[in-house]
């Protein structure tokens, strides 16, 4: 069992579906949405 958590902040660079899939396959546990840079 892995105890280390991977937290990823989502922003404009990660809004594409293929990038999100890569993050999931890389083992991201928690996604945080950064809306301050989105218009």
N, C-alpha and C. Protein backbone atom coordinates (compact mmCIF):
# COMPACT_ATOMS: atom_id res chain seq x y z
N UNK A 1 0.84 -1.18 0.00
CA UNK A 1 0.00 0.00 0.00
C UNK A 1 0.89 1.25 0.00
N UNK A 2 0.59 2.17 -0.89
CA UNK A 2 1.35 3.40 -1.00
C UNK A 2 0.79 4.45 -0.04
N UNK A 3 1.63 5.03 0.80
CA UNK A 3 1.18 6.03 1.76
C UNK A 3 1.36 7.45 1.23
N UNK A 4 2.29 7.63 0.32
CA UNK A 4 2.53 8.96 -0.24
C UNK A 4 1.39 9.34 -1.17
N UNK A 5 0.88 10.54 -1.00
CA UNK A 5 -0.20 11.03 -1.85
C UNK A 5 0.36 11.99 -2.87
N UNK A 6 -0.17 11.92 -4.08
CA UNK A 6 0.22 12.85 -5.13
C UNK A 6 -0.93 13.83 -5.32
N UNK A 7 -0.64 15.12 -5.11
CA UNK A 7 -1.64 16.17 -5.26
C UNK A 7 -1.27 16.99 -6.48
N UNK A 8 -2.21 17.17 -7.39
CA UNK A 8 -1.96 17.88 -8.62
C UNK A 8 -2.87 19.10 -8.69
N UNK A 9 -2.29 20.26 -8.98
CA UNK A 9 -3.07 21.47 -9.17
C UNK A 9 -3.39 21.60 -10.65
N UNK A 10 -4.68 21.68 -10.96
CA UNK A 10 -5.11 21.81 -12.35
C UNK A 10 -5.18 23.27 -12.73
N UNK A 11 -4.69 23.56 -13.92
CA UNK A 11 -4.72 24.91 -14.44
C UNK A 11 -4.87 24.86 -15.96
N UNK A 12 -4.62 25.95 -16.65
CA UNK A 12 -4.79 25.99 -18.10
C UNK A 12 -3.96 24.95 -18.85
N UNK A 13 -2.79 24.63 -18.36
CA UNK A 13 -1.93 23.65 -19.05
C UNK A 13 -2.45 22.23 -18.94
N UNK A 14 -3.35 21.97 -18.01
CA UNK A 14 -3.85 20.60 -17.81
C UNK A 14 -5.34 20.48 -18.10
N UNK A 15 -5.88 21.35 -18.95
CA UNK A 15 -7.31 21.28 -19.22
C UNK A 15 -7.68 20.30 -20.34
N UNK A 16 -6.68 19.81 -21.06
CA UNK A 16 -6.95 18.84 -22.12
C UNK A 16 -7.17 17.45 -21.54
N UNK A 17 -8.05 16.69 -22.15
CA UNK A 17 -8.40 15.35 -21.68
C UNK A 17 -7.19 14.43 -21.64
N UNK A 18 -6.34 14.48 -22.66
CA UNK A 18 -5.18 13.58 -22.69
C UNK A 18 -4.20 13.88 -21.56
N UNK A 19 -4.07 15.15 -21.18
CA UNK A 19 -3.19 15.51 -20.07
C UNK A 19 -3.77 14.99 -18.76
N UNK A 20 -5.07 15.13 -18.57
CA UNK A 20 -5.72 14.61 -17.36
C UNK A 20 -5.55 13.10 -17.26
N UNK A 21 -5.69 12.40 -18.38
CA UNK A 21 -5.50 10.95 -18.37
C UNK A 21 -4.07 10.58 -17.98
N UNK A 22 -3.10 11.34 -18.45
CA UNK A 22 -1.71 11.09 -18.09
C UNK A 22 -1.49 11.28 -16.59
N UNK A 23 -2.11 12.31 -16.03
CA UNK A 23 -1.98 12.56 -14.60
C UNK A 23 -2.60 11.43 -13.78
N UNK A 24 -3.74 10.93 -14.22
CA UNK A 24 -4.40 9.82 -13.53
C UNK A 24 -3.53 8.57 -13.60
N UNK A 25 -3.01 8.27 -14.79
CA UNK A 25 -2.17 7.08 -14.95
C UNK A 25 -0.85 7.21 -14.19
N UNK A 26 -0.41 8.43 -13.95
CA UNK A 26 0.83 8.65 -13.19
C UNK A 26 0.62 8.44 -11.70
N UNK A 27 -0.65 8.32 -11.27
CA UNK A 27 -0.92 8.01 -9.88
C UNK A 27 -1.41 9.16 -9.03
N UNK A 28 -1.93 10.21 -9.66
CA UNK A 28 -2.45 11.34 -8.89
C UNK A 28 -3.60 10.89 -8.01
N UNK A 29 -3.54 11.26 -6.73
CA UNK A 29 -4.58 10.90 -5.77
C UNK A 29 -5.62 12.00 -5.60
N UNK A 30 -5.16 13.25 -5.61
CA UNK A 30 -6.04 14.38 -5.34
C UNK A 30 -5.80 15.44 -6.40
N UNK A 31 -6.89 15.97 -6.95
CA UNK A 31 -6.80 17.08 -7.88
C UNK A 31 -7.31 18.34 -7.21
N UNK A 32 -6.54 19.41 -7.36
CA UNK A 32 -6.89 20.72 -6.82
C UNK A 32 -7.10 21.64 -8.01
N UNK A 33 -8.20 22.39 -8.03
CA UNK A 33 -8.50 23.26 -9.16
C UNK A 33 -8.09 24.69 -8.83
N UNK A 34 -7.21 25.24 -9.65
CA UNK A 34 -6.77 26.62 -9.50
C UNK A 34 -7.57 27.47 -10.49
N UNK A 35 -8.57 28.19 -10.02
CA UNK A 35 -9.42 28.98 -10.91
C UNK A 35 -8.97 30.43 -11.03
N UNK A 36 -7.93 30.82 -10.33
CA UNK A 36 -7.50 32.22 -10.38
C UNK A 36 -6.89 32.59 -11.72
N UNK A 37 -6.36 31.63 -12.45
CA UNK A 37 -5.73 31.93 -13.73
C UNK A 37 -6.67 31.71 -14.91
N UNK A 38 -7.88 31.23 -14.66
CA UNK A 38 -8.83 30.99 -15.75
C UNK A 38 -9.73 32.20 -15.91
N UNK A 39 -10.06 32.52 -17.14
CA UNK A 39 -10.98 33.63 -17.36
C UNK A 39 -12.34 33.14 -17.80
